[in-house]
Protein backbone atom coordinates (compact mmCIF):
# COMPACT_ATOMS: atom_id res chain seq x y z
CA UNK A 1 0.48 17.25 -5.50
CA UNK A 2 0.36 15.11 -8.64
CA UNK A 3 2.89 12.73 -7.12
CA UNK A 4 0.70 12.18 -4.06
CA UNK A 5 -2.26 11.35 -6.31
CA UNK A 6 -0.13 8.81 -8.19
CA UNK A 7 0.94 7.35 -4.85
CA UNK A 8 -2.68 7.05 -3.67
CA UNK A 9 -3.70 5.38 -6.94
CA UNK A 10 -0.75 3.03 -6.56
CA UNK A 11 -1.80 2.07 -3.03
CA UNK A 12 -5.40 1.45 -4.12
CA UNK A 13 -4.33 -0.81 -6.98
CA UNK A 14 -1.85 -2.64 -4.76
CA UNK A 15 -4.66 -3.41 -2.31
CA UNK A 16 -6.91 -4.46 -5.20
CA UNK A 17 -4.19 -6.74 -6.59
CA UNK A 18 -3.34 -8.25 -3.21
CA UNK A 19 -7.02 -8.90 -2.48
CA UNK A 20 -7.31 -10.52 -5.91
CA UNK A 21 -4.27 -12.65 -5.07
CA UNK A 22 -6.18 -14.17 -2.17
CA UNK A 23 -9.24 -14.67 -4.35
CA UNK A 24 -7.21 -16.28 -7.16
CA UNK A 25 -6.74 -19.37 -4.98
CA UNK A 26 -3.12 -19.87 -6.00
CA UNK A 27 -3.72 -18.58 -9.54
CA UNK A 28 -6.29 -21.32 -10.18
CA UNK A 29 -9.13 -18.85 -10.89
CA UNK A 30 -8.79 -16.91 -14.14
CA UNK A 31 -10.32 -13.48 -13.46
CA UNK A 32 -8.81 -12.88 -10.03
CA UNK A 33 -5.44 -13.97 -11.49
CA UNK A 34 -5.79 -11.44 -14.30
CA UNK A 35 -6.73 -8.76 -11.75
CA UNK A 36 -3.54 -9.56 -9.81
CA UNK A 37 -1.31 -8.95 -12.82
CA UNK A 38 -3.15 -5.85 -14.03
CA UNK A 39 -3.49 -4.40 -10.53
CA UNK A 40 0.19 -4.78 -9.71
CA UNK A 41 1.21 -3.40 -13.12
CA UNK A 42 -0.86 -0.26 -12.54
CA UNK A 43 0.33 -0.02 -8.92
CA UNK A 44 4.01 -0.19 -9.86
CA UNK A 45 3.58 2.19 -12.79
CA UNK A 46 1.86 4.82 -10.63
CA UNK A 47 4.40 4.30 -7.86
CA UNK A 48 7.21 4.91 -10.35
CA UNK A 49 5.54 8.17 -11.41
CA UNK A 50 5.30 9.30 -7.79
CA UNK A 51 9.04 8.74 -7.29
CA UNK A 52 9.75 11.43 -9.88
CA UNK A 53 8.80 14.09 -7.32
CA UNK A 54 8.83 12.35 -3.94
CA UNK A 55 11.72 10.67 -2.13
CA UNK A 56 11.81 6.92 -2.75
CA UNK A 57 12.15 6.19 0.97
CA UNK A 58 8.87 7.99 1.69
CA UNK A 59 7.04 6.56 -1.32
CA UNK A 60 7.93 2.99 -0.43
CA UNK A 61 7.17 3.48 3.28
CA UNK A 62 3.76 4.99 2.50
CA UNK A 63 2.99 2.42 -0.21
CA UNK A 64 3.84 -0.60 1.90
CA UNK A 65 2.56 0.89 5.17
CA UNK A 66 -0.82 2.12 4.04
CA UNK A 67 -1.18 -0.93 1.80
CA UNK A 68 -0.67 -3.11 4.88
CA UNK A 69 -3.23 -1.12 6.85
CA UNK A 70 -5.83 -1.34 4.10
CA UNK A 71 -5.17 -5.05 3.50
CA UNK A 72 -5.63 -5.68 7.22
CA UNK A 73 -9.01 -3.97 7.09
CA UNK A 74 -10.06 -5.78 3.90
CA UNK A 75 -8.93 -9.09 5.43
CA UNK A 76 -10.97 -8.44 8.54
CA UNK A 77 -14.19 -7.31 6.84
CA UNK A 78 -14.12 -9.39 3.65
CA UNK A 79 -12.20 -12.55 4.57
CA UNK A 80 -13.19 -12.57 8.28
CA UNK A 81 -9.55 -12.75 9.41
CA UNK A 82 -8.54 -11.98 12.98
CA UNK A 83 -8.03 -8.33 13.99
CA UNK A 84 -6.80 -8.12 17.56
CA UNK A 85 -5.09 -5.68 19.93
CA UNK A 86 -1.58 -6.56 18.72
CA UNK A 87 -2.46 -5.94 15.08
CA UNK A 88 -3.95 -2.58 16.00
CA UNK A 89 -0.77 -1.60 17.87
CA UNK A 90 1.33 -2.77 14.92
CA UNK A 91 -0.74 -0.71 12.50
CA UNK A 92 -0.39 2.35 14.74
CA UNK A 93 3.39 1.90 14.66
CA UNK A 94 3.25 1.69 10.86
CA UNK A 95 1.34 4.99 10.71
CA UNK A 96 3.86 6.68 13.01
CA UNK A 97 6.71 5.23 10.98
CA UNK A 98 5.38 6.69 7.73
CA UNK A 99 4.83 10.06 9.44
CA UNK A 100 8.41 10.01 10.75
CA UNK A 101 9.73 9.16 7.28
CA UNK A 102 7.92 12.20 5.85
CA UNK A 103 9.04 14.45 8.72
CA UNK A 104 12.60 13.33 8.20
CA UNK A 105 12.46 14.37 4.55
CA UNK A 106 10.90 17.73 5.45
CA UNK A 107 13.39 18.46 8.25
CA UNK A 108 16.41 17.47 6.15
CA UNK A 109 15.20 19.66 3.29
CA UNK A 110 14.65 22.67 5.58
CA UNK A 111 17.46 21.91 8.02
């Protein structure tokens, strides 16, 4: 359970850092640039803690997948970026992919 919490914290800070990356305007704005470095440092640290108890393949799939989903939503609402049918389908595939990665680990462990 602790590993899942670390993974969730990692995803949140990855989204924070990636959003700050956009706001840093190519690292020309000081505070967003600092938030990028700090956010990614915390994200990677928490992700490394989650890999102590969870399979790396699942951790990375969940981290990148749910990070992508959240960034897509932030981009749509905050930066007014396009969010169309094809992106929605792609995000649904990402969700199913992460679920399949977790099921694979469960089935192999019990199989």
